[in-house]
Each structure stands twice: as structure tokens, then as C-alpha cells.
């Protein structure tokens, strides 16, 4: 299906050819043709792993210095004041005027730089005053993980309430029935992971043909996780003349495809270089021996203050968490093997201080915001520089400072040097042992109490009671009896709740 030319938001016309170099949206233009060739021509001009940013044809609106300068509903300005959000961050100041004006936006900024409100306020301002019909949202935010969906929902909820817009979060690991019910009741804004949204569309519980504003948050991770086919299939279902905003901490060649196909004359804003280190972070590589690594990790975990510790596997996370608890450190585990309610409870324990150490796999590398978190430790070094940047991005958020520490054994040093080079980081390298003054100076490490502690485990999800064969037979018998006697059976119904026939 070729796109028919349509008026652009800046005048003139907008056609499918302008997105993909011509050809069918379902054909070879995505994987080859002039679009692919254009990408190859740009390759030499772009840094390694990064694509050349598109050139904005229509001049962008100038950045603002205050939220009051923006063409937003007064209720949003009041909500910003109530949330103690006084001055826009650079990415917000640059992109909000254009997002509110309806321009496509390509925003790149490190994690914690304010991207959520950069797209969220524009989306809410443009949707305010509209009402969605059942199963037909008006705006869509696609994210790669459940945790990021939850964070976006929490960040936008006070502002959505201010302008009376309904949010629905659609993610795996939670009740699909409840999510379908929320969509049936009407939601102007849907925040979703691609897989669960596809499931609901396939069930007939959601349609995207009324979506006029689409946001892709952390698009590079969606590509890395293999969601690209689902993402493009979803984008093909939204309004063809709608607004698209793509925000990410890193932009690589996987994202180039989305930009070429779906963004028209976007306003481009980059707060930080694609692989740039966060300037308010300290980066430390601690050389440790294999024999001493476990004790070193334990002493760092016993520090005063919160810390996130990243490991590669679920088994390693559970093992370290148990060890820390047995040694007096209030630790909690977070990984993909836990249900979403369990993960939510664990995060709540970490945020409220019930747990001071969050031991996690990469599931916590994005979409988690915790105030006053000044240390992230890579117990197992990441294998990819993007994972390093996103793990580290859990600290030094919103202008605060923090440290990222990576424990490196002798056989990992060469690979770590390459990874840091790819990330554009020059770390401070120190040889340490458990009990060293240098280890304490860098991380706050101290000896644990050794007195075991217990943190209540997040409850397992409640299982639905299964219908017993006898009760089923009883209902069938009652119905059969009614047919024989000609008397209707009495149905139980909650006060004010319609019967199934009225639903």
C-alpha cells in the first residue's frame, strides 16, 4: 500500500516517497531500494554504530526558557507547579514547542534527561479536550519493557488527570482481561509494550486507526529485543497523517529504519552525543581478583545508601541476594523470572528504603527511576556499551551526581577497555581488595554486620479459583430444571452492575 500525498503540517505535501524512497510499505522499500541505498551513502559520514541524523527542512521553533511560554492548557501549567517542576530541561525546552505544534520530533538525550515529559506534555497538550471511543485510543506510547511503561505511566498520570485524559497501560505479565476492560471503557492515551498491544488488537479489544500521536520511547532497545517487526506493523495501523515522536538515549542504525520510514521532516534535537558519558557521573573500573570479588561485592553492598548491582543471570541474582541477606545486607532481587506484581513490589521496597540493595539483571537497566541513587555497580561487566550506558543511567538522573563502578577480573580487562572506548568513556582504573581504603573511598564499602536479615518476599500472584466439575454440573442442572418447569432461575448480580446481556 503506497501512501497517498497529504498536506504536511508545515504546508506543501507529504507522501510515502518522502518516508521510504517510494515503494510499498509492506514491500522491499524497507530492506532495500533507494531508502537502503541512501543509508549506505550516509554510512561514511556517521560515527561507528550511529546513523547520520536527518536534515530538518522546515526550521524548528526556538527553544523556550519557561513552561509558561508554551502553548499548553493552563491545567498543565498548574500541574507542573504542583509537581515542583519549575524549569524545563534542555531536551524539553527544545522539543516541546515543536511537539505541541504537531511536528515530528527526533529527540536524543541520555537517560534521566527529561525525555518523558518532553514527549508526554506535548502529547497531553494536543490530546486535551478530546474523548476516545471504546477500544479506540487517540495517542500511543510504545516502550520496550514493563518497567519503562510503568515509569511513563507514573510520570504522566498527574498531568493526564489535570486535563481529564484517561491512561491505560498495556504490558505483558499482567491481566490481559483488565487491560481489555480499560480499553473498552475508553482511554485517550495507551502506554504499551509491542507484544501485548498486538495481542489485544488480535483479540479485537483495540484499534489504532484513531491514533493521531505516536511516541516511540527507547526505540533502540525495542530493535535490540527483536520487536522491530511488531513495531512497524503497529505503526502501519495508526493514522497515516499523524504525528510521530521518537525519543531515545541512544540512536543506532537499527533506529535509522524507523526514522526514514515514519518521521517526516522531523525536528532533531540531541542533548548528548550518542555514546557520550554522562558528565555528572564518575566512572570507575575496579580491578579485582577472582578470589576476592565476592567479598568486595559484599562490602560495597553493605555501604550506607542505596545501590543497584547488575549481574548477568537470574540464578546469579538470586544467589547473591540470598548471600547478602544472610550477611546483614537488606537486598532484594529483580529479574525476568519474577511476575510483574512481584517486580512492582520489589521496586517499591527499594524506593521506600525497605531494601537498600537492588540486585538485578538488565531488566532494571531502563525504565527505573529512584531518587537519591548515587551508585550503580556492574558486578558482571556488560557485554555491550549501550547496556553500560543504560545501567549507569540509573544514577546521576535529573542533574544529580553519581558513580558507576565496574568490577573487572584479569581475564576481562581487554574486553572492558574496548567497551569503554565504544562508550566514549575514560574511566578511573584502580586495583582494589576487600577492606582497602581506596575501595571505601570510591564506593563507601564497609564490612557487613553479619546478622541475617529478612525482607518479606513479594507475594506470588493469586491464582484464580478453578470451577469445580460439581458446581458446573449444578449450574447446568439448574438451567435444565428451569427449562422443565418453565420458571426462570434467579441470577446473582452486584447492585448497579449490568447483566451480561447489557454489557
Protein backbone atom coordinates (compact mmCIF):
# COMPACT_ATOMS: atom_id res chain seq x y z
CA UNK A 1 0.00 0.00 0.00
CA UNK A 2 1.57 3.27 -1.12
CA UNK A 3 0.88 6.39 0.88
CA UNK A 4 -1.24 8.98 -0.90
CA UNK A 5 0.13 12.53 -0.75
CA UNK A 6 -1.33 14.53 2.09
CA UNK A 7 -0.91 18.07 3.36
CA UNK A 8 2.10 18.34 5.61
CA UNK A 9 1.90 20.11 8.93
CA UNK A 10 4.22 22.78 7.56
CA UNK A 11 2.40 23.25 4.27
CA UNK A 12 3.12 21.54 0.97
CA UNK A 13 2.51 17.81 0.61
CA UNK A 14 3.66 14.72 2.40
CA UNK A 15 3.90 11.43 0.58
CA UNK A 16 5.01 7.88 1.12
CA UNK A 17 8.01 8.51 -1.10
CA UNK A 18 9.31 11.10 1.28
CA UNK A 19 9.46 8.49 4.03
CA UNK A 20 10.91 5.50 2.33
CA UNK A 21 12.13 6.47 -1.07
CA UNK A 22 8.99 5.06 -2.72
CA UNK A 23 7.63 1.57 -2.90
CA UNK A 24 5.14 -0.34 -0.86
CA UNK A 25 5.02 0.00 2.91
CA UNK A 26 4.89 -3.79 3.01
CA UNK A 27 7.37 -4.33 0.18
CA UNK A 28 11.08 -4.06 -0.37
CA UNK A 29 11.46 -0.38 0.37
CA UNK A 30 12.20 -1.16 4.00
CA UNK A 31 15.01 -3.55 3.34
CA UNK A 32 16.39 -2.21 0.13
CA UNK A 33 15.68 0.19 -2.68
CA UNK A 34 16.58 3.82 -2.55
CA UNK A 35 15.97 4.03 1.20
CA UNK A 36 18.58 1.41 1.92
CA UNK A 37 20.97 2.84 -0.59
CA UNK A 38 20.64 6.27 0.98
CA UNK A 39 21.61 4.76 4.28
CA UNK A 40 24.75 3.30 2.77
CA UNK A 41 25.71 6.67 1.34
CA UNK A 42 25.44 8.20 4.80
CA UNK A 43 27.45 5.47 6.46
CA UNK A 44 30.85 7.03 5.92
CA UNK A 45 29.75 10.33 7.43
CA UNK A 46 28.38 8.88 10.64
CA UNK A 47 30.35 7.71 13.67
CA UNK A 48 30.65 3.98 14.17
CA UNK A 49 27.35 2.44 15.25
CA UNK A 50 25.48 5.69 14.71
CA UNK A 51 23.46 6.89 11.76
CA UNK A 52 23.58 10.34 10.22
CA UNK A 53 20.74 12.39 11.65
CA UNK A 54 18.16 13.63 9.12
CA UNK A 55 18.28 17.23 7.99
CA UNK A 56 15.31 19.34 9.08
CA UNK A 57 13.87 21.16 6.07
CA UNK A 58 11.32 23.33 7.87
CA UNK A 59 13.03 25.49 10.52
CA UNK A 60 12.29 24.43 14.07
CA UNK A 61 10.56 26.70 16.54
CA UNK A 62 13.02 28.26 19.00
CA UNK A 63 13.59 26.76 22.42
CA UNK A 64 11.80 28.20 25.42
CA UNK A 65 13.17 29.19 28.79
CA UNK A 66 10.00 28.60 30.82
CA UNK A 67 6.96 26.35 30.59
CA UNK A 68 4.75 29.44 30.62
CA UNK A 69 5.97 30.31 27.12
CA UNK A 70 4.43 27.12 25.74
CA UNK A 71 1.00 26.91 24.14
CA UNK A 72 -0.32 24.47 26.74
CA UNK A 73 -3.58 24.26 28.65
CA UNK A 74 -3.46 26.18 31.92
CA UNK A 75 -4.24 22.97 33.79
CA UNK A 76 -0.91 21.50 32.67
CA UNK A 77 0.98 24.59 33.84
CA UNK A 78 -0.77 24.34 37.19
CA UNK A 79 0.12 20.64 37.43
CA UNK A 80 3.77 21.40 36.69
CA UNK A 81 3.83 23.87 39.56
CA UNK A 82 2.14 21.36 41.85
CA UNK A 83 4.81 18.78 40.95
CA UNK A 84 7.61 21.29 41.67
CA UNK A 85 8.71 21.22 38.02
CA UNK A 86 9.85 24.80 37.54
CA UNK A 87 12.34 24.99 34.67
CA UNK A 88 12.36 22.80 31.55
CA UNK A 89 15.37 20.59 30.95
CA UNK A 90 17.24 21.28 27.69
CA UNK A 91 15.53 18.49 25.74
CA UNK A 92 12.14 19.72 26.96
CA UNK A 93 12.89 23.35 26.16
CA UNK A 94 13.98 22.44 22.63
CA UNK A 95 11.37 19.86 21.61
CA UNK A 96 8.18 20.89 23.42
CA UNK A 97 7.42 23.95 21.24
CA UNK A 98 7.66 21.78 18.14
CA UNK A 99 5.89 18.76 19.63
CA UNK A 100 2.98 20.90 20.75
CA UNK A 101 2.85 22.45 17.26
CA UNK A 102 2.41 18.95 15.79
CA UNK A 103 5.84 18.48 14.25
CA UNK A 104 7.52 15.09 14.07
CA UNK A 105 10.35 15.02 16.60
CA UNK A 106 13.57 13.02 16.88
CA UNK A 107 15.00 13.56 20.34
CA UNK A 108 18.18 12.07 21.70
CA UNK A 109 19.20 12.54 25.29
CA UNK A 110 20.77 10.47 28.00
CA UNK A 111 18.57 8.61 30.41
CA UNK A 112 17.33 10.91 33.14
CA UNK A 113 17.49 13.99 30.89
CA UNK A 114 13.73 14.59 30.93
CA UNK A 115 12.58 12.78 27.78
CA UNK A 116 9.32 11.51 29.31
CA UNK A 117 7.90 14.97 29.89
CA UNK A 118 9.41 16.15 26.60
CA UNK A 119 7.05 13.91 24.67
CA UNK A 120 4.42 13.47 27.39
CA UNK A 121 3.46 17.12 27.82
CA UNK A 122 3.25 17.61 24.06
CA UNK A 123 1.07 14.52 23.70
CA UNK A 124 -1.27 15.55 26.53
CA UNK A 125 -1.49 19.17 25.38
CA UNK A 126 -2.52 18.10 21.87
CA UNK A 127 -4.98 15.45 23.10
CA UNK A 128 -6.65 17.57 25.80
CA UNK A 129 -10.34 18.17 25.22
CA UNK A 130 -10.84 15.02 23.12
CA UNK A 131 -12.65 11.87 24.17
CA UNK A 132 -11.81 8.39 22.95
CA UNK A 133 -14.46 5.90 21.95
CA UNK A 134 -14.40 2.35 23.24
CA UNK A 135 -11.31 0.42 22.10
CA UNK A 136 -10.08 3.38 20.02
CA UNK A 137 -7.27 5.32 21.74
CA UNK A 138 -6.16 8.70 20.38
CA UNK A 139 -2.49 8.58 21.35
CA UNK A 140 0.03 5.77 21.75
CA UNK A 141 3.35 5.47 23.57
CA UNK A 142 5.34 2.35 22.67
CA UNK A 143 8.06 1.24 25.10
CA UNK A 144 10.28 -1.87 25.23
CA UNK A 145 9.73 -3.02 28.83
CA UNK A 146 7.09 -3.28 31.53
CA UNK A 147 9.20 -1.22 33.92
CA UNK A 148 9.51 1.64 31.45
CA UNK A 149 5.78 1.52 30.75
CA UNK A 150 5.10 1.80 34.47
CA UNK A 151 7.55 4.68 34.84
CA UNK A 152 5.98 6.58 31.93
CA UNK A 153 2.52 5.98 33.39
CA UNK A 154 3.58 7.26 36.81
CA UNK A 155 5.28 10.31 35.31
CA UNK A 156 2.30 11.31 33.16
CA UNK A 157 -0.58 10.45 35.50
CA UNK A 158 -0.76 13.78 37.42
CA UNK A 159 -0.71 15.74 34.17
CA UNK A 160 -3.26 13.49 32.46
CA UNK A 161 -5.60 13.92 35.42
CA UNK A 162 -5.20 17.69 35.20
CA UNK A 163 -6.63 17.68 31.66
CA UNK A 164 -9.07 14.80 32.30
CA UNK A 165 -7.41 12.31 29.99
CA UNK A 166 -7.53 8.58 30.70
CA UNK A 167 -4.35 6.49 30.56
CA UNK A 168 -4.22 2.75 30.01
CA UNK A 169 -1.07 0.68 30.48
CA UNK A 170 -0.85 -2.41 28.30
CA UNK A 171 2.02 -4.78 29.15
CA UNK A 172 2.73 -8.48 29.42
CA UNK A 173 2.79 -10.25 32.77
CA UNK A 174 -0.43 -8.56 33.90
CA UNK A 175 -4.09 -9.45 33.47
CA UNK A 176 -4.98 -9.07 29.80
CA UNK A 177 -8.65 -9.10 30.78
CA UNK A 178 -8.27 -5.99 32.94
CA UNK A 179 -6.33 -4.26 30.21
CA UNK A 180 -9.00 -5.12 27.66
CA UNK A 181 -11.62 -3.77 30.07
CA UNK A 182 -9.74 -0.48 30.39
CA UNK A 183 -9.64 -0.15 26.62
CA UNK A 184 -13.32 -0.98 26.29
CA UNK A 185 -14.10 1.73 28.84
CA UNK A 186 -12.23 4.25 26.73
CA UNK A 187 -8.67 5.53 27.12
CA UNK A 188 -7.29 8.51 25.27
CA UNK A 189 -3.65 7.51 25.82
CA UNK A 190 -2.29 3.97 25.72
CA UNK A 191 1.20 3.17 27.04
CA UNK A 192 2.16 -0.25 25.72
CA UNK A 193 4.78 -2.84 25.02
CA UNK A 194 4.52 -4.08 21.42
CA UNK A 195 3.73 -7.74 22.12
CA UNK A 196 0.82 -7.20 24.50
CA UNK A 197 -0.66 -4.45 22.32
CA UNK A 198 -0.58 -6.81 19.34
CA UNK A 199 -2.36 -9.47 21.41
CA UNK A 200 -5.15 -7.06 22.31
CA UNK A 201 -5.53 -5.93 18.71
CA UNK A 202 -5.72 -9.55 17.57
CA UNK A 203 -8.47 -10.15 20.14
CA UNK A 204 -10.45 -7.21 18.81
CA UNK A 205 -10.01 -5.25 22.04
CA UNK A 206 -8.09 -2.36 20.48
CA UNK A 207 -7.90 -0.47 17.18
CA UNK A 208 -5.23 2.07 16.25
CA UNK A 209 -6.91 3.81 13.32
CA UNK A 210 -7.82 6.80 15.51
CA UNK A 211 -4.31 7.25 16.94
CA UNK A 212 -3.10 10.67 15.82
CA UNK A 213 0.02 10.92 18.02
CA UNK A 214 2.53 8.08 18.31
CA UNK A 215 5.62 8.09 20.52
CA UNK A 216 8.45 5.56 20.40
CA UNK A 217 10.42 5.66 23.64
CA UNK A 218 13.77 3.83 23.72
CA UNK A 219 13.31 2.62 20.17
CA UNK A 220 16.85 1.25 20.03
CA UNK A 221 16.11 -1.24 22.79
CA UNK A 222 12.94 -2.35 21.03
CA UNK A 223 15.08 -3.10 18.00
CA UNK A 224 17.69 -4.90 20.11
CA UNK A 225 14.96 -7.04 21.70
CA UNK A 226 13.63 -8.12 18.31
CA UNK A 227 10.45 -6.02 18.42
CA UNK A 228 11.10 -4.19 15.15
CA UNK A 229 8.62 -6.24 13.04
CA UNK A 230 5.91 -5.72 15.67
CA UNK A 231 6.70 -2.01 15.97
CA UNK A 232 6.50 -1.38 12.24
CA UNK A 233 3.28 -3.42 11.99
CA UNK A 234 1.75 -1.27 14.73
CA UNK A 235 2.94 1.98 13.16
CA UNK A 236 1.31 0.92 9.90
CA UNK A 237 -2.06 0.86 11.69
CA UNK A 238 -2.09 4.38 13.15
CA UNK A 239 -3.35 7.42 11.26
CA UNK A 240 -1.07 7.92 8.24
CA UNK A 241 -1.13 11.69 8.67
CA UNK A 242 -0.48 11.56 12.43
CA UNK A 243 2.36 12.97 14.45
CA UNK A 244 5.36 10.77 15.30
CA UNK A 245 7.88 11.43 18.05
CA UNK A 246 10.89 9.20 18.64
CA UNK A 247 12.96 9.65 21.79
CA UNK A 248 15.92 7.58 22.91
CA UNK A 249 19.11 7.75 24.92
CA UNK A 250 21.00 6.10 22.05
CA UNK A 251 20.32 6.09 18.31
CA UNK A 252 21.94 3.45 16.14
CA UNK A 253 21.43 2.03 12.69
CA UNK A 254 18.53 -0.16 13.82
CA UNK A 255 16.60 3.03 14.56
CA UNK A 256 17.59 4.63 11.24
CA UNK A 257 15.00 2.46 9.53
CA UNK A 258 12.20 3.80 11.73
CA UNK A 259 13.30 7.37 11.20
CA UNK A 260 13.40 7.03 7.42
CA UNK A 261 10.04 5.29 7.17
CA UNK A 262 7.93 7.05 9.73
CA UNK A 263 9.28 10.52 10.53
CA UNK A 264 8.67 13.35 8.08
CA UNK A 265 10.86 16.45 8.21
CA UNK A 266 11.48 15.88 11.93
CA UNK A 267 12.81 18.46 14.32
CA UNK A 268 16.07 16.92 15.53
CA UNK A 269 17.46 17.65 18.96
CA UNK A 270 20.41 15.93 20.63
CA UNK A 271 21.27 16.74 24.22
CA UNK A 272 24.25 14.40 24.43
CA UNK A 273 26.40 12.55 21.90
CA UNK A 274 25.06 9.11 21.05
CA UNK A 275 27.75 7.31 23.03
CA UNK A 276 28.68 10.15 25.33
CA UNK A 277 29.25 9.59 29.03
CA UNK A 278 27.03 11.36 31.48
CA UNK A 279 29.00 14.38 32.61
CA UNK A 280 27.71 14.26 36.19
CA UNK A 281 28.86 10.64 36.61
CA UNK A 282 32.15 9.28 37.81
CA UNK A 283 33.17 6.08 36.02
CA UNK A 284 35.39 3.62 37.88
CA UNK A 285 36.86 0.33 36.75
CA UNK A 286 37.98 -1.66 39.78
CA UNK A 287 40.43 -4.45 39.05
CA UNK A 288 39.75 -7.33 41.43
CA UNK A 289 40.98 -10.88 41.75
CA UNK A 290 38.58 -13.72 41.12
CA UNK A 291 39.13 -14.99 44.67
CA UNK A 292 38.30 -11.63 46.26
CA UNK A 293 35.47 -10.45 44.01
CA UNK A 294 32.70 -11.94 46.15
CA UNK A 295 33.90 -10.30 49.37
CA UNK A 296 34.48 -7.00 47.57
CA UNK A 297 30.92 -7.10 46.26
CA UNK A 298 29.56 -7.83 49.75
CA UNK A 299 31.38 -4.87 51.30
CA UNK A 300 30.16 -2.49 48.60
CA UNK A 301 26.60 -3.71 49.14
CA UNK A 302 26.94 -3.04 52.89
CA UNK A 303 27.56 0.67 52.30
CA UNK A 304 25.29 3.36 53.67
CA UNK A 305 22.81 4.37 50.99
CA UNK A 306 21.11 2.72 48.04
CA UNK A 307 22.93 0.82 45.32
CA UNK A 308 21.88 -1.19 42.26
CA UNK A 309 24.05 -4.19 41.44
CA UNK A 310 23.85 -5.73 37.98
CA UNK A 311 24.60 -9.38 37.20
CA UNK A 312 24.17 -11.42 34.03
CA UNK A 313 21.79 -14.20 35.07
CA UNK A 314 18.69 -14.75 37.19
CA UNK A 315 20.46 -17.54 39.09
CA UNK A 316 23.39 -15.26 39.97
CA UNK A 317 20.98 -12.53 41.11
CA UNK A 318 19.12 -14.89 43.43
CA UNK A 319 22.33 -16.38 44.79
CA UNK A 320 23.91 -13.00 45.59
CA UNK A 321 20.69 -11.69 47.13
CA UNK A 322 20.48 -14.68 49.47
CA UNK A 323 24.16 -14.25 50.43
CA UNK A 324 23.70 -10.55 51.19
CA UNK A 325 20.62 -11.14 53.34
CA UNK A 326 22.47 -13.81 55.28
CA UNK A 327 25.25 -11.28 55.95
CA UNK A 328 23.02 -8.48 57.17
CA UNK A 329 22.51 -6.52 53.95
CA UNK A 330 18.94 -5.59 53.06
CA UNK A 331 18.88 -6.82 49.46
CA UNK A 332 16.08 -7.61 47.02
CA UNK A 333 16.20 -9.41 43.67
CA UNK A 334 14.74 -8.23 40.37
CA UNK A 335 14.78 -10.25 37.16
CA UNK A 336 12.58 -11.54 34.37
CA UNK A 337 11.76 -14.75 36.20
CA UNK A 338 9.50 -12.88 38.60
CA UNK A 339 5.90 -11.93 37.89
CA UNK A 340 5.09 -8.29 37.26
CA UNK A 341 3.34 -7.82 40.64
CA UNK A 342 6.42 -9.27 42.35
CA UNK A 343 8.68 -6.94 40.38
CA UNK A 344 6.50 -3.96 41.27
CA UNK A 345 6.64 -4.89 44.97
CA UNK A 346 10.43 -5.28 44.85
CA UNK A 347 10.85 -1.86 43.26
CA UNK A 348 8.57 -0.36 45.91
CA UNK A 349 10.73 -1.95 48.63
CA UNK A 350 13.84 -0.43 47.08
CA UNK A 351 12.31 3.01 46.63
CA UNK A 352 10.91 3.23 50.15
CA UNK A 353 14.17 2.06 51.75
CA UNK A 354 12.95 -1.32 52.99
CA UNK A 355 15.71 -2.74 50.75
CA UNK A 356 18.93 -0.78 50.27
CA UNK A 357 20.41 -3.01 47.56
CA UNK A 358 18.64 -3.94 44.35
CA UNK A 359 20.32 -6.96 42.76
CA UNK A 360 19.17 -7.16 39.16
CA UNK A 361 19.67 -8.37 35.63
CA UNK A 362 19.40 -5.99 32.68
CA UNK A 363 15.64 -5.88 33.23
CA UNK A 364 16.42 -2.93 35.52
CA UNK A 365 18.76 -1.19 33.09
CA UNK A 366 15.99 1.03 31.70
CA UNK A 367 12.72 2.38 32.96
CA UNK A 368 13.63 2.62 36.65
CA UNK A 369 13.90 5.95 38.40
CA UNK A 370 14.91 6.09 42.05
CA UNK A 371 15.66 9.35 43.82
CA UNK A 372 18.98 9.73 45.64
CA UNK A 373 20.61 6.75 43.98
CA UNK A 374 24.28 7.65 43.74
CA UNK A 375 25.91 4.29 42.94
CA UNK A 376 25.50 1.62 40.29
CA UNK A 377 27.77 -1.44 40.37
CA UNK A 378 28.37 -3.77 37.45
CA UNK A 379 29.26 -6.92 39.36
CA UNK A 380 29.27 -8.65 35.98
CA UNK A 381 30.53 -6.25 33.29
CA UNK A 382 28.01 -5.68 30.50
CA UNK A 383 28.79 -7.10 27.07
CA UNK A 384 27.57 -4.07 25.14
CA UNK A 385 28.41 -0.38 25.55
CA UNK A 386 24.73 0.57 25.28
CA UNK A 387 23.93 -1.70 28.21
CA UNK A 388 26.70 0.03 30.15
CA UNK A 389 25.25 3.46 29.44
CA UNK A 390 21.74 2.44 30.37
CA UNK A 391 22.78 0.60 33.52
CA UNK A 392 24.77 3.64 34.56
CA UNK A 393 21.82 5.87 33.72
CA UNK A 394 20.00 4.67 36.84
CA UNK A 395 22.19 7.14 38.76
CA UNK A 396 23.01 10.81 38.09
CA UNK A 397 19.45 11.47 36.98
CA UNK A 398 17.86 14.89 36.58
CA UNK A 399 21.15 16.70 37.07
CA UNK A 400 22.23 14.83 40.20
CA UNK A 401 25.67 13.26 40.52
CA UNK A 402 26.58 9.59 40.86
CA UNK A 403 29.16 6.90 40.28
CA UNK A 404 29.25 3.82 38.10
CA UNK A 405 31.62 1.10 39.28
CA UNK A 406 32.53 -1.99 37.27
CA UNK A 407 34.32 -4.95 38.84
CA UNK A 408 36.78 -6.40 36.35
CA UNK A 409 38.82 -9.58 36.76
CA UNK A 410 42.14 -10.03 34.93
CA UNK A 411 40.64 -12.06 32.07
CA UNK A 412 38.04 -9.32 31.43
CA UNK A 413 40.34 -6.33 31.17
CA UNK A 414 40.89 -6.28 27.40
CA UNK A 415 37.18 -6.58 26.64
CA UNK A 416 36.36 -3.86 29.17
CA UNK A 417 38.87 -1.50 27.57
CA UNK A 418 37.15 -2.00 24.20
CA UNK A 419 33.69 -1.48 25.70
CA UNK A 420 34.70 1.78 27.38
CA UNK A 421 36.17 3.01 24.12
CA UNK A 422 32.91 2.25 22.30
CA UNK A 423 31.01 4.12 25.01
CA UNK A 424 33.28 7.14 24.72
CA UNK A 425 34.30 6.91 28.37
CA UNK A 426 37.70 7.24 30.01
CA UNK A 427 37.22 5.66 33.45
CA UNK A 428 39.40 5.88 36.52
CA UNK A 429 41.04 2.48 36.95
CA UNK A 430 42.05 1.24 40.40
CA UNK A 431 43.37 -2.06 41.74
CA UNK A 432 41.43 -2.89 44.92
CA UNK A 433 40.93 -5.58 47.51
CA UNK A 434 38.21 -6.03 50.09
CA UNK A 435 38.94 -3.90 53.15
CA UNK A 436 41.02 -1.37 51.18
CA UNK A 437 40.73 2.31 51.99
CA UNK A 438 40.51 3.05 48.26
CA UNK A 439 37.52 0.74 47.90
CA UNK A 440 35.81 2.59 50.76
CA UNK A 441 36.68 5.99 49.30
CA UNK A 442 35.25 5.14 45.88
CA UNK A 443 32.17 3.15 46.88
CA UNK A 444 31.57 3.65 50.61
CA UNK A 445 32.25 -0.06 51.15
CA UNK A 446 32.27 -1.37 54.70
CA UNK A 447 32.12 -4.68 56.49
CA UNK A 448 28.57 -6.08 56.79
CA UNK A 449 27.03 -6.70 60.19
CA UNK A 450 26.88 -10.45 59.65
CA UNK A 451 23.48 -10.60 61.34
CA UNK A 452 20.98 -12.16 58.92
CA UNK A 453 18.03 -10.02 57.91
CA UNK A 454 14.70 -10.93 56.37
CA UNK A 455 12.72 -8.88 53.88
CA UNK A 456 9.22 -10.06 53.16
CA UNK A 457 9.21 -11.59 49.71
CA UNK A 458 6.82 -10.05 47.18
CA UNK A 459 3.68 -12.17 47.13
CA UNK A 460 3.11 -14.54 44.26
CA UNK A 461 0.18 -13.64 42.01
CA UNK A 462 -3.08 -15.06 43.29
CA UNK A 463 -4.43 -17.91 41.23
CA UNK A 464 -7.99 -17.73 40.00
CA UNK A 465 -10.20 -20.30 41.70
CA UNK A 466 -10.95 -23.10 39.34
CA UNK A 467 -14.55 -24.05 38.69
CA UNK A 468 -15.24 -27.45 40.14
CA UNK A 469 -16.98 -30.01 37.95
CA UNK A 470 -19.72 -30.35 40.55
CA UNK A 471 -20.52 -26.64 40.57
CA UNK A 472 -20.64 -26.64 36.79
CA UNK A 473 -23.00 -29.57 36.82
CA UNK A 474 -25.08 -27.79 39.43
CA UNK A 475 -25.49 -24.73 37.20
CA UNK A 476 -26.36 -26.87 34.22
CA UNK A 477 -28.88 -28.79 36.34
CA UNK A 478 -30.46 -25.53 37.49
CA UNK A 479 -30.82 -24.36 33.91
CA UNK A 480 -32.26 -27.69 32.87
CA UNK A 481 -34.73 -27.54 35.74
CA UNK A 482 -35.83 -24.08 34.68
CA UNK A 483 -36.48 -25.34 31.19
CA UNK A 484 -38.52 -28.24 32.56
CA UNK A 485 -40.60 -26.13 34.94
CA UNK A 486 -40.82 -23.05 32.79
CA UNK A 487 -39.57 -20.89 35.73
CA UNK A 488 -36.58 -18.59 35.20
CA UNK A 489 -33.64 -19.06 37.51
CA UNK A 490 -32.57 -16.09 39.64
CA UNK A 491 -29.18 -14.65 38.65
CA UNK A 492 -26.98 -13.01 41.21
CA UNK A 493 -25.88 -9.57 40.29
CA UNK A 494 -23.96 -6.87 42.10
CA UNK A 495 -26.00 -3.73 42.77
CA UNK A 496 -25.74 -1.32 39.84
CA UNK A 497 -23.88 -3.79 37.64
CA UNK A 498 -25.50 -4.61 34.29
CA UNK A 499 -26.20 -8.16 33.30
CA UNK A 500 -24.11 -9.77 30.61
CA UNK A 501 -26.79 -9.00 28.10
CA UNK A 502 -26.42 -5.26 28.73
CA UNK A 503 -22.62 -5.20 28.53
